[in-house]
Amino acid sequence: MSAGPNSIQLLVYCFTALAVITISTSTGAFAANFYQDFDITWGDGRAKILDNGALLTLTLDRASGSGFQSNNEYLFGKIDMQLKLVPGNSAGTVTAYYLSSKQGANWDEIDFEFLGNVTGQPYILHTNVFSQGKGNREQQFYLWFDPTADFHTYSVLWNPHRIVFSVDGIPIREFQNLQSLGVPFPNSQPMRIYSSLWNADDWATQGGRVKTDWTKAPFTASYRNFDAGSACVWSSGRSSCGSTSSAAGWLTEAVDSHGQERMKWVQRNYMVYNYCTDFKRFPQGLPKECTVNF
């Protein structure tokens, strides 16, 4: 890391304070209810909606994991979800939170995946973008806080121009629409929101070297404060966002100069893998978007 510990702590404090202000002014505008917004799709009772629809939990044990999906499909949106991840020894577990069209071989997808680890070691936040069935655009990060101690907000801004991944209001990654250069971009297939907690100890932790410790089961991840109030719901071939929609602002939103500085700070200090610097993986040349986005 290029900055000393004291400098990093100060930056974390400042960035987090700004993010909390942003979150506190936005989450109250859209009253989410998991009963209304989501369906539990698998897990045989391991997924539960609690607190009159304000809280959802997913559980994994040796027999099965669990998962849910949104009732609505979206074509572009600003979407927030607060998660509290599996505490303690979470090695081998993956908590996936993503949007996907799930349309055969040419699906689109925007991924957050949280790769568990042994007690005392950090989670890895794995991000990816698929378009027309093509992914291989992984970026991975450590987090600058303990994601198991409290809820934190994980957000996607998806508009026709870019996809921005954010954590607690801090942008960590931007994927631009570079279709003019022949780079596929997800802008035509509506997507649902999915989440699951499952066992992936063949690859998730240290390349599969560390296996799930089932004596620590059941493993539980928690969700609250879902907000898709600024998303375009797709239904019967039509979008809820018309030309005069209040969503028009975020449909053209970009990361401002302050956000760009915060994103650079995250990538400089907490990024642990970037496909755009993996020359061994791409000996014939890096993907086209890597020459523009980085």
C-alpha atoms as a PDB file:
ATOM      1  CA  MET A   1       0.000   0.000   0.000  1.00  0.00           C
ATOM      2  CA  SER A   2       1.282   3.429  -0.854  1.00  0.00           C
ATOM      3  CA  ALA A   3      -0.212   5.246   2.160  1.00  0.00           C
ATOM      4  CA  GLY A   4       0.696   4.655   5.790  1.00  0.00           C
ATOM      5  CA  PRO A   5      -1.751   3.122   8.291  1.00  0.00           C
ATOM      6  CA  ASN A   6      -2.718   6.439   9.842  1.00  0.00           C
ATOM      7  CA  SER A   7      -3.405   8.011   6.458  1.00  0.00           C
ATOM      8  CA  ILE A   8      -5.515   5.061   5.384  1.00  0.00           C
ATOM      9  CA  GLN A   9      -7.524   5.106   8.625  1.00  0.00           C
ATOM     10  CA  LEU A  10      -8.204   8.818   8.183  1.00  0.00           C
ATOM     11  CA  LEU A  11      -9.309   8.277   4.585  1.00  0.00           C
ATOM     12  CA  VAL A  12     -11.572   5.403   5.645  1.00  0.00           C
ATOM     13  CA  TYR A  13     -13.147   7.591   8.302  1.00  0.00           C
ATOM     14  CA  CYS A  14     -13.779  10.464   5.889  1.00  0.00           C
ATOM     15  CA  PHE A  15     -15.086   8.268   3.086  1.00  0.00           C
ATOM     16  CA  THR A  16     -17.311   6.281   5.413  1.00  0.00           C
ATOM     17  CA  ALA A  17     -18.757   9.426   6.964  1.00  0.00           C
ATOM     18  CA  LEU A  18     -19.636  10.770   3.534  1.00  0.00           C
ATOM     19  CA  ALA A  19     -21.126   7.420   2.517  1.00  0.00           C
ATOM     20  CA  VAL A  20     -23.261   7.238   5.662  1.00  0.00           C
ATOM     21  CA  ILE A  21     -24.698  10.682   4.913  1.00  0.00           C
ATOM     22  CA  THR A  22     -25.567   9.560   1.386  1.00  0.00           C
ATOM     23  CA  ILE A  23     -27.072   6.262   2.528  1.00  0.00           C
ATOM     24  CA  SER A  24     -29.105   7.826   5.334  1.00  0.00           C
ATOM     25  CA  THR A  25     -30.748  10.243   2.908  1.00  0.00           C
ATOM     26  CA  SER A  26     -31.529   7.619   0.280  1.00  0.00           C
ATOM     27  CA  THR A  27     -32.670   4.433   1.991  1.00  0.00           C
ATOM     28  CA  GLY A  28     -35.711   6.012   3.579  1.00  0.00           C
ATOM     29  CA  ALA A  29     -37.200   6.957   0.217  1.00  0.00           C
ATOM     30  CA  PHE A  30     -38.160   3.426  -0.772  1.00  0.00           C
ATOM     31  CA  ALA A  31     -39.862   1.127   1.732  1.00  0.00           C
ATOM     32  CA  ALA A  32     -38.770  -2.383   0.792  1.00  0.00           C
ATOM     33  CA  ASN A  33     -40.584  -5.483   1.912  1.00  0.00           C
ATOM     34  CA  PHE A  34     -39.065  -8.871   1.197  1.00  0.00           C
ATOM     35  CA  TYR A  35     -42.474 -10.524   1.142  1.00  0.00           C
ATOM     36  CA  GLN A  36     -43.535  -8.231  -1.689  1.00  0.00           C
ATOM     37  CA  ASP A  37     -40.265  -7.845  -3.587  1.00  0.00           C
ATOM     38  CA  PHE A  38     -38.734 -11.346  -3.554  1.00  0.00           C
ATOM     39  CA  ASP A  39     -39.504 -15.049  -3.760  1.00  0.00           C
ATOM     40  CA  ILE A  40     -37.519 -17.683  -1.888  1.00  0.00           C
ATOM     41  CA  THR A  41     -36.605 -20.116  -4.654  1.00  0.00           C
ATOM     42  CA  TRP A  42     -34.695 -22.917  -2.980  1.00  0.00           C
ATOM     43  CA  GLY A  43     -33.339 -24.183   0.321  1.00  0.00           C
ATOM     44  CA  ASP A  44     -36.238 -26.163   1.818  1.00  0.00           C
ATOM     45  CA  GLY A  45     -36.866 -23.745   4.678  1.00  0.00           C
ATOM     46  CA  ARG A  46     -33.281 -22.518   5.060  1.00  0.00           C
ATOM     47  CA  ALA A  47     -34.222 -19.065   3.756  1.00  0.00           C
ATOM     48  CA  LYS A  48     -36.453 -16.994   6.017  1.00  0.00           C
ATOM     49  CA  ILE A  49     -38.211 -13.640   5.829  1.00  0.00           C
ATOM     50  CA  LEU A  50     -38.452 -12.035   9.267  1.00  0.00           C
ATOM     51  CA  ASP A  51     -39.473  -8.817  11.040  1.00  0.00           C
ATOM     52  CA  ASN A  52     -42.639  -8.348   8.974  1.00  0.00           C
ATOM     53  CA  GLY A  53     -40.670  -8.434   5.741  1.00  0.00           C
ATOM     54  CA  ALA A  54     -37.826  -6.134   6.773  1.00  0.00           C
ATOM     55  CA  LEU A  55     -35.157  -8.857   7.076  1.00  0.00           C
ATOM     56  CA  LEU A  56     -34.227 -11.910   5.020  1.00  0.00           C
ATOM     57  CA  THR A  57     -31.720 -14.586   6.029  1.00  0.00           C
ATOM     58  CA  LEU A  58     -30.076 -17.332   3.984  1.00  0.00           C
ATOM     59  CA  THR A  59     -28.611 -20.420   5.645  1.00  0.00           C
ATOM     60  CA  LEU A  60     -26.189 -23.102   4.477  1.00  0.00           C
ATOM     61  CA  ASP A  61     -25.653 -26.483   6.120  1.00  0.00           C
ATOM     62  CA  ARG A  62     -24.119 -29.719   4.919  1.00  0.00           C
ATOM     63  CA  ALA A  63     -27.345 -30.754   3.171  1.00  0.00           C
ATOM     64  CA  SER A  64     -28.113 -27.563   1.229  1.00  0.00           C
ATOM     65  CA  GLY A  65     -27.737 -23.857   0.771  1.00  0.00           C
ATOM     66  CA  SER A  66     -30.573 -21.441  -0.043  1.00  0.00           C
ATOM     67  CA  GLY A  67     -31.508 -18.594  -2.333  1.00  0.00           C
ATOM     68  CA  PHE A  68     -34.046 -16.025  -3.496  1.00  0.00           C
ATOM     69  CA  GLN A  69     -34.883 -13.911  -6.531  1.00  0.00           C
ATOM     70  CA  SER A  70     -36.726 -10.667  -7.202  1.00  0.00           C
ATOM     71  CA  ASN A  71     -40.285 -10.649  -8.422  1.00  0.00           C
ATOM     72  CA  ASN A  72     -39.473  -7.821 -10.828  1.00  0.00           C
ATOM     73  CA  GLU A  73     -37.174  -7.740 -13.793  1.00  0.00           C
ATOM     74  CA  TYR A  74     -35.169  -4.567 -14.422  1.00  0.00           C
ATOM     75  CA  LEU A  75     -33.639  -2.980 -17.488  1.00  0.00           C
ATOM     76  CA  PHE A  76     -31.281  -0.427 -15.955  1.00  0.00           C
ATOM     77  CA  GLY A  77     -31.404   0.802 -12.399  1.00  0.00           C
ATOM     78  CA  LYS A  78     -29.808   2.054  -9.213  1.00  0.00           C
ATOM     79  CA  ILE A  79     -30.104  -0.859  -6.804  1.00  0.00           C
ATOM     80  CA  ASP A  80     -28.968  -1.097  -3.177  1.00  0.00           C
ATOM     81  CA  MET A  81     -28.952  -3.992  -0.745  1.00  0.00           C
ATOM     82  CA  GLN A  82     -27.536  -4.150   2.758  1.00  0.00           C
ATOM     83  CA  LEU A  83     -25.813  -7.436   3.659  1.00  0.00           C
ATOM     84  CA  LYS A  84     -24.210  -8.853   6.767  1.00  0.00           C
ATOM     85  CA  LEU A  85     -22.024 -11.801   5.810  1.00  0.00           C
ATOM     86  CA  VAL A  86     -21.351 -15.170   7.447  1.00  0.00           C
ATOM     87  CA  PRO A  87     -19.200 -14.547  10.557  1.00  0.00           C
ATOM     88  CA  GLY A  88     -16.307 -16.595  11.909  1.00  0.00           C
ATOM     89  CA  ASN A  89     -14.873 -19.405   9.846  1.00  0.00           C
ATOM     90  CA  SER A  90     -16.684 -18.926   6.533  1.00  0.00           C
ATOM     91  CA  ALA A  91     -14.073 -20.747   4.417  1.00  0.00           C
ATOM     92  CA  GLY A  92     -15.580 -22.590   1.472  1.00  0.00           C
ATOM     93  CA  THR A  93     -18.806 -20.574   1.470  1.00  0.00           C
ATOM     94  CA  VAL A  94     -19.918 -18.105  -1.194  1.00  0.00           C
ATOM     95  CA  THR A  95     -22.602 -15.474  -0.741  1.00  0.00           C
ATOM     96  CA  ALA A  96     -23.661 -14.423  -4.248  1.00  0.00           C
ATOM     97  CA  TYR A  97     -25.694 -11.272  -4.940  1.00  0.00           C
ATOM     98  CA  TYR A  98     -26.179 -10.472  -8.608  1.00  0.00           C
ATOM     99  CA  LEU A  99     -28.409  -9.464 -11.506  1.00  0.00           C
ATOM    100  CA  SER A 100     -28.910 -11.932 -14.345  1.00  0.00           C
ATOM    101  CA  SER A 101     -31.069 -12.365 -17.429  1.00  0.00           C
ATOM    102  CA  LYS A 102     -30.486 -16.149 -17.439  1.00  0.00           C
ATOM    103  CA  GLN A 103     -31.290 -16.272 -21.166  1.00  0.00           C
ATOM    104  CA  GLY A 104     -29.615 -19.417 -22.472  1.00  0.00           C
ATOM    105  CA  ALA A 105     -26.039 -19.142 -23.725  1.00  0.00           C
ATOM    106  CA  ASN A 106     -26.220 -15.373 -24.298  1.00  0.00           C
ATOM    107  CA  TRP A 107     -27.158 -14.207 -20.832  1.00  0.00           C
ATOM    108  CA  ASP A 108     -26.171 -10.926 -19.195  1.00  0.00           C
ATOM    109  CA  GLU A 109     -25.054 -10.710 -15.571  1.00  0.00           C
ATOM    110  CA  ILE A 110     -23.631  -8.248 -13.019  1.00  0.00           C
ATOM    111  CA  ASP A 111     -21.997 -10.010 -10.065  1.00  0.00           C
ATOM    112  CA  PHE A 112     -21.103  -9.414  -6.455  1.00  0.00           C
ATOM    113  CA  GLU A 113     -19.746 -12.619  -4.877  1.00  0.00           C
ATOM    114  CA  PHE A 114     -18.336 -12.767  -1.353  1.00  0.00           C
ATOM    115  CA  LEU A 115     -15.753 -15.521  -0.923  1.00  0.00           C
ATOM    116  CA  GLY A 116     -15.477 -16.741   2.659  1.00  0.00           C
ATOM    117  CA  ASN A 117     -12.267 -17.310   4.572  1.00  0.00           C
ATOM    118  CA  VAL A 118     -10.917 -18.785   7.790  1.00  0.00           C
ATOM    119  CA  THR A 119     -11.424 -16.826  10.988  1.00  0.00           C
ATOM    120  CA  GLY A 120      -9.271 -13.706  11.073  1.00  0.00           C
ATOM    121  CA  GLN A 121      -8.647 -13.632   7.325  1.00  0.00           C
ATOM    122  CA  PRO A 122     -10.509 -11.186   5.074  1.00  0.00           C
ATOM    123  CA  TYR A 123     -13.367 -11.938   2.748  1.00  0.00           C
ATOM    124  CA  ILE A 124     -12.682 -11.417  -0.948  1.00  0.00           C
ATOM    125  CA  LEU A 125     -15.287  -9.431  -2.856  1.00  0.00           C
ATOM    126  CA  HIS A 126     -15.391 -10.860  -6.383  1.00  0.00           C
ATOM    127  CA  THR A 127     -17.004  -8.770  -9.155  1.00  0.00           C
ATOM    128  CA  ASN A 128     -17.721  -9.687 -12.762  1.00  0.00           C
ATOM    129  CA  VAL A 129     -19.714  -8.504 -15.773  1.00  0.00           C
ATOM    130  CA  PHE A 130     -21.190 -10.868 -18.361  1.00  0.00           C
ATOM    131  CA  SER A 131     -22.660  -9.746 -21.669  1.00  0.00           C
ATOM    132  CA  GLN A 132     -24.028 -12.081 -24.328  1.00  0.00           C
ATOM    133  CA  GLY A 133     -22.661 -14.995 -22.319  1.00  0.00           C
ATOM    134  CA  LYS A 134     -19.102 -13.636 -22.153  1.00  0.00           C
ATOM    135  CA  GLY A 135     -17.578 -12.918 -18.763  1.00  0.00           C
ATOM    136  CA  ASN A 136     -13.931 -13.258 -17.749  1.00  0.00           C
ATOM    137  CA  ARG A 137     -13.937  -9.682 -16.453  1.00  0.00           C
ATOM    138  CA  GLU A 138     -13.109 -10.376 -12.830  1.00  0.00           C
ATOM    139  CA  GLN A 139     -11.906  -7.825 -10.336  1.00  0.00           C
ATOM    140  CA  GLN A 140     -11.441  -8.801  -6.692  1.00  0.00           C
ATOM    141  CA  PHE A 141     -11.104  -6.685  -3.580  1.00  0.00           C
ATOM    142  CA  TYR A 142     -10.519  -6.899   0.127  1.00  0.00           C
ATOM    143  CA  LEU A 143     -12.868  -4.708   2.155  1.00  0.00           C
ATOM    144  CA  TRP A 144     -11.699  -1.970   4.523  1.00  0.00           C
ATOM    145  CA  PHE A 145     -14.055  -3.134   7.296  1.00  0.00           C
ATOM    146  CA  ASP A 146     -15.365  -6.364   8.799  1.00  0.00           C
ATOM    147  CA  PRO A 147     -18.400  -7.260   6.619  1.00  0.00           C
ATOM    148  CA  THR A 148     -19.641  -9.731   9.243  1.00  0.00           C
ATOM    149  CA  ALA A 149     -19.902  -7.300  12.174  1.00  0.00           C
ATOM    150  CA  ASP A 150     -22.690  -5.152  10.778  1.00  0.00           C
ATOM    151  CA  PHE A 151     -24.734  -4.453   7.660  1.00  0.00           C
ATOM    152  CA  HIS A 152     -23.095  -2.653   4.739  1.00  0.00           C
ATOM    153  CA  THR A 153     -24.605  -1.365   1.510  1.00  0.00           C
ATOM    154  CA  TYR A 154     -23.633  -2.950  -1.816  1.00  0.00           C
ATOM    155  CA  SER A 155     -24.888  -1.041  -4.843  1.00  0.00           C
ATOM    156  CA  VAL A 156     -25.065  -1.248  -8.614  1.00  0.00           C
ATOM    157  CA  LEU A 157     -25.611   1.695 -10.918  1.00  0.00           C
ATOM    158  CA  TRP A 158     -26.530   0.245 -14.314  1.00  0.00           C
ATOM    159  CA  ASN A 159     -27.417   2.664 -17.059  1.00  0.00           C
ATOM    160  CA  PRO A 160     -26.920   2.648 -20.844  1.00  0.00           C
ATOM    161  CA  HIS A 161     -23.461   4.167 -20.445  1.00  0.00           C
ATOM    162  CA  ARG A 162     -21.793   2.300 -17.602  1.00  0.00           C
ATOM    163  CA  ILE A 163     -22.013  -0.119 -14.688  1.00  0.00           C
ATOM    164  CA  VAL A 164     -20.667   1.105 -11.352  1.00  0.00           C
ATOM    165  CA  PHE A 165     -20.145  -1.161  -8.344  1.00  0.00           C
ATOM    166  CA  SER A 166     -20.169   0.641  -4.974  1.00  0.00           C
ATOM    167  CA  VAL A 167     -19.732  -0.289  -1.324  1.00  0.00           C
ATOM    168  CA  ASP A 168     -21.220   2.006   1.317  1.00  0.00           C
ATOM    169  CA  GLY A 169     -21.509   4.721  -1.324  1.00  0.00           C
ATOM    170  CA  ILE A 170     -17.864   4.404  -2.394  1.00  0.00           C
ATOM    171  CA  PRO A 171     -17.425   3.364  -6.039  1.00  0.00           C
ATOM    172  CA  ILE A 172     -14.969   0.496  -6.408  1.00  0.00           C
ATOM    173  CA  ARG A 173     -15.324  -0.401 -10.088  1.00  0.00           C
ATOM    174  CA  GLU A 174     -16.664   1.065 -13.335  1.00  0.00           C
ATOM    175  CA  PHE A 175     -17.374  -0.877 -16.535  1.00  0.00           C
ATOM    176  CA  GLN A 176     -18.080   1.472 -19.426  1.00  0.00           C
ATOM    177  CA  ASN A 177     -20.231   0.867 -22.478  1.00  0.00           C
ATOM    178  CA  LEU A 178     -17.665   0.466 -25.254  1.00  0.00           C
ATOM    179  CA  GLN A 179     -19.830  -1.165 -27.863  1.00  0.00           C
ATOM    180  CA  SER A 180     -18.326   1.265 -30.379  1.00  0.00           C
ATOM    181  CA  LEU A 181     -15.078  -0.682 -29.914  1.00  0.00           C
ATOM    182  CA  GLY A 182     -16.791  -4.054 -30.253  1.00  0.00           C
ATOM    183  CA  VAL A 183     -17.032  -4.740 -26.510  1.00  0.00           C
ATOM    184  CA  PRO A 184     -20.400  -6.309 -25.572  1.00  0.00           C
ATOM    185  CA  PHE A 185     -22.401  -4.406 -22.960  1.00  0.00           C
ATOM    186  CA  PRO A 186     -25.581  -5.544 -21.164  1.00  0.00           C
ATOM    187  CA  ASN A 187     -28.225  -3.114 -22.377  1.00  0.00           C
ATOM    188  CA  SER A 188     -30.998  -5.129 -24.010  1.00  0.00           C
ATOM    189  CA  GLN A 189     -31.937  -8.001 -21.678  1.00  0.00           C
ATOM    190  CA  PRO A 190     -33.929  -7.332 -18.499  1.00  0.00           C
ATOM    191  CA  MET A 191     -32.468  -8.941 -15.385  1.00  0.00           C
ATOM    192  CA  ARG A 192     -33.758 -10.174 -12.064  1.00  0.00           C
ATOM    193  CA  ILE A 193     -31.900  -9.877  -8.773  1.00  0.00           C
ATOM    194  CA  TYR A 194     -30.693 -13.160  -7.330  1.00  0.00           C
ATOM    195  CA  SER A 195     -28.880 -14.126  -4.171  1.00  0.00           C
ATOM    196  CA  SER A 196     -27.700 -17.420  -2.740  1.00  0.00           C
ATOM    197  CA  LEU A 197     -25.520 -18.880  -0.019  1.00  0.00           C
ATOM    198  CA  TRP A 198     -23.825 -22.083  -1.094  1.00  0.00           C
ATOM    199  CA  ASN A 199     -20.850 -24.381  -0.632  1.00  0.00           C
ATOM    200  CA  ALA A 200     -18.013 -23.827  -3.111  1.00  0.00           C
ATOM    201  CA  ASP A 201     -15.081 -25.279  -1.231  1.00  0.00           C
ATOM    202  CA  ASP A 202     -13.648 -26.734  -4.419  1.00  0.00           C
ATOM    203  CA  TRP A 203     -12.488 -23.212  -5.417  1.00  0.00           C
ATOM    204  CA  ALA A 204     -13.722 -20.401  -3.168  1.00  0.00           C
ATOM    205  CA  THR A 205     -11.030 -20.180  -0.466  1.00  0.00           C
ATOM    206  CA  GLN A 206      -7.359 -20.180  -1.415  1.00  0.00           C
ATOM    207  CA  GLY A 207      -8.136 -21.935  -4.675  1.00  0.00           C
ATOM    208  CA  GLY A 208      -9.953 -24.771  -2.936  1.00  0.00           C
ATOM    209  CA  ARG A 209      -7.118 -25.643  -0.565  1.00  0.00           C
ATOM    210  CA  VAL A 210      -9.231 -24.712   2.477  1.00  0.00           C
ATOM    211  CA  LYS A 211     -12.447 -26.693   2.808  1.00  0.00           C
ATOM    212  CA  THR A 212     -15.705 -25.895   4.574  1.00  0.00           C
ATOM    213  CA  ASP A 213     -15.635 -26.751   8.276  1.00  0.00           C
ATOM    214  CA  TRP A 214     -19.089 -28.250   8.736  1.00  0.00           C
ATOM    215  CA  THR A 215     -18.689 -28.271  12.511  1.00  0.00           C
ATOM    216  CA  LYS A 216     -19.279 -24.490  12.247  1.00  0.00           C
ATOM    217  CA  ALA A 217     -22.574 -24.920  10.363  1.00  0.00           C
ATOM    218  CA  PRO A 218     -25.185 -23.610   9.958  1.00  0.00           C
ATOM    219  CA  PHE A 219     -23.796 -20.545   8.179  1.00  0.00           C
ATOM    220  CA  THR A 220     -26.082 -17.519   7.854  1.00  0.00           C
ATOM    221  CA  ALA A 221     -26.039 -14.299   5.799  1.00  0.00           C
ATOM    222  CA  SER A 222     -28.574 -11.507   6.369  1.00  0.00           C
ATOM    223  CA  TYR A 223     -30.198  -8.911   4.099  1.00  0.00           C
ATOM    224  CA  ARG A 224     -32.152  -5.715   4.682  1.00  0.00           C
ATOM    225  CA  ASN A 225     -32.986  -2.289   3.176  1.00  0.00           C
ATOM    226  CA  PHE A 226     -33.356  -3.353  -0.429  1.00  0.00           C
ATOM    227  CA  ASP A 227     -33.865  -0.257  -2.571  1.00  0.00           C
ATOM    228  CA  ALA A 228     -34.759  -0.363  -6.266  1.00  0.00           C
ATOM    229  CA  GLY A 229     -36.904   2.755  -6.169  1.00  0.00           C
ATOM    230  CA  SER A 230     -34.807   4.281  -8.962  1.00  0.00           C
ATOM    231  CA  ALA A 231     -34.812   1.208 -11.200  1.00  0.00           C
ATOM    232  CA  CYS A 232     -36.710   0.637 -14.443  1.00  0.00           C
ATOM    233  CA  VAL A 233     -39.087  -2.282 -14.011  1.00  0.00           C
ATOM    234  CA  TRP A 234     -39.569  -4.328 -17.180  1.00  0.00           C
ATOM    235  CA  SER A 235     -42.991  -5.872 -17.622  1.00  0.00           C
ATOM    236  CA  SER A 236     -44.904  -7.117 -20.681  1.00  0.00           C
ATOM    237  CA  GLY A 237     -42.199  -5.813 -22.977  1.00  0.00           C
ATOM    238  CA  ARG A 238     -42.289  -2.269 -21.588  1.00  0.00           C
ATOM    239  CA  SER A 239     -40.191  -0.232 -19.170  1.00  0.00           C
ATOM    240  CA  SER A 240     -41.586   1.727 -16.236  1.00  0.00           C
ATOM    241  CA  CYS A 241     -39.103   4.495 -17.108  1.00  0.00           C
ATOM    242  CA  GLY A 242     -40.581   6.761 -19.757  1.00  0.00           C
ATOM    243  CA  SER A 243     -38.892   9.703 -21.395  1.00  0.00           C
ATOM    244  CA  THR A 244     -40.248  12.030 -18.685  1.00  0.00           C
ATOM    245  CA  SER A 245     -39.376   9.693 -15.809  1.00  0.00           C
ATOM    246  CA  SER A 246     -37.658  10.997 -12.699  1.00  0.00           C
ATOM    247  CA  ALA A 247     -35.061   8.306 -13.404  1.00  0.00           C
ATOM    248  CA  ALA A 248     -33.663  10.435 -16.252  1.00  0.00           C
ATOM    249  CA  GLY A 249     -30.868  11.785 -14.019  1.00  0.00           C
ATOM    250  CA  TRP A 250     -29.321   8.458 -13.094  1.00  0.00           C
ATOM    251  CA  LEU A 251     -29.844   7.106 -16.626  1.00  0.00           C
ATOM    252  CA  THR A 252     -26.973   9.394 -17.653  1.00  0.00           C
ATOM    253  CA  GLU A 253     -25.134   9.464 -14.311  1.00  0.00           C
ATOM    254  CA  ALA A 254     -21.353   9.123 -14.281  1.00  0.00           C
ATOM    255  CA  VAL A 255     -18.782   8.865 -11.498  1.00  0.00           C
ATOM    256  CA  ASP A 256     -17.814  12.436 -10.622  1.00  0.00           C
ATOM    257  CA  SER A 257     -14.267  13.576  -9.891  1.00  0.00           C
ATOM    258  CA  HIS A 258     -14.628  12.948  -6.161  1.00  0.00           C
ATOM    259  CA  GLY A 259     -15.960   9.460  -6.840  1.00  0.00           C
ATOM    260  CA  GLN A 260     -13.112   8.789  -9.232  1.00  0.00           C
ATOM    261  CA  GLU A 261     -10.600   9.681  -6.505  1.00  0.00           C
ATOM    262  CA  ARG A 262     -12.308   7.367  -4.026  1.00  0.00           C
ATOM    263  CA  MET A 263     -12.401   4.565  -6.597  1.00  0.00           C
ATOM    264  CA  LYS A 264      -8.679   4.997  -7.280  1.00  0.00           C
ATOM    265  CA  TRP A 265      -8.028   4.836  -3.540  1.00  0.00           C
ATOM    266  CA  VAL A 266      -9.918   1.521  -3.235  1.00  0.00           C
ATOM    267  CA  GLN A 267      -8.231   0.026  -6.270  1.00  0.00           C
ATOM    268  CA  ARG A 268      -4.791   1.170  -5.149  1.00  0.00           C
ATOM    269  CA  ASN A 269      -5.124  -0.154  -1.596  1.00  0.00           C
ATOM    270  CA  TYR A 270      -7.606  -3.044  -1.672  1.00  0.00           C
ATOM    271  CA  MET A 271      -7.722  -4.580  -5.154  1.00  0.00           C
ATOM    272  CA  VAL A 272      -6.233  -8.090  -5.116  1.00  0.00           C
ATOM    273  CA  TYR A 273      -6.949  -9.167  -8.700  1.00  0.00           C
ATOM    274  CA  ASN A 274      -7.603  -7.296 -11.927  1.00  0.00           C
ATOM    275  CA  TYR A 275      -8.112  -9.118 -15.213  1.00  0.00           C
ATOM    276  CA  CYS A 276      -6.885  -6.012 -17.012  1.00  0.00           C
ATOM    277  CA  THR A 277      -3.370  -6.517 -15.650  1.00  0.00           C
ATOM    278  CA  ASP A 278      -3.228 -10.301 -16.075  1.00  0.00           C
ATOM    279  CA  PHE A 279      -0.901 -10.561 -19.063  1.00  0.00           C
ATOM    280  CA  LYS A 280      -0.304 -14.275 -18.475  1.00  0.00           C
ATOM    281  CA  ARG A 281      -4.006 -14.953 -18.840  1.00  0.00           C
ATOM    282  CA  PHE A 282      -4.235 -12.919 -22.051  1.00  0.00           C
ATOM    283  CA  PRO A 283      -0.933 -13.575 -23.887  1.00  0.00           C
ATOM    284  CA  GLN A 284      -2.440 -12.392 -27.181  1.00  0.00           C
ATOM    285  CA  GLY A 285      -3.294  -9.010 -25.674  1.00  0.00           C
ATOM    286  CA  LEU A 286      -5.549  -7.613 -22.981  1.00  0.00           C
ATOM    287  CA  PRO A 287      -9.288  -7.188 -23.671  1.00  0.00           C
ATOM    288  CA  LYS A 288     -10.121  -3.981 -25.538  1.00  0.00           C
ATOM    289  CA  GLU A 289     -11.895  -2.344 -22.607  1.00  0.00           C
ATOM    290  CA  CYS A 290      -8.739  -2.591 -20.509  1.00  0.00           C
ATOM    291  CA  THR A 291      -7.003   0.055 -22.615  1.00  0.00           C
ATOM    292  CA  VAL A 292      -9.825   2.524 -21.927  1.00  0.00           C
ATOM    293  CA  ASN A 293     -11.113   1.792 -18.415  1.00  0.00           C
ATOM    294  CA  PHE A 294      -7.711   1.654 -16.726  1.00  0.00           C
END
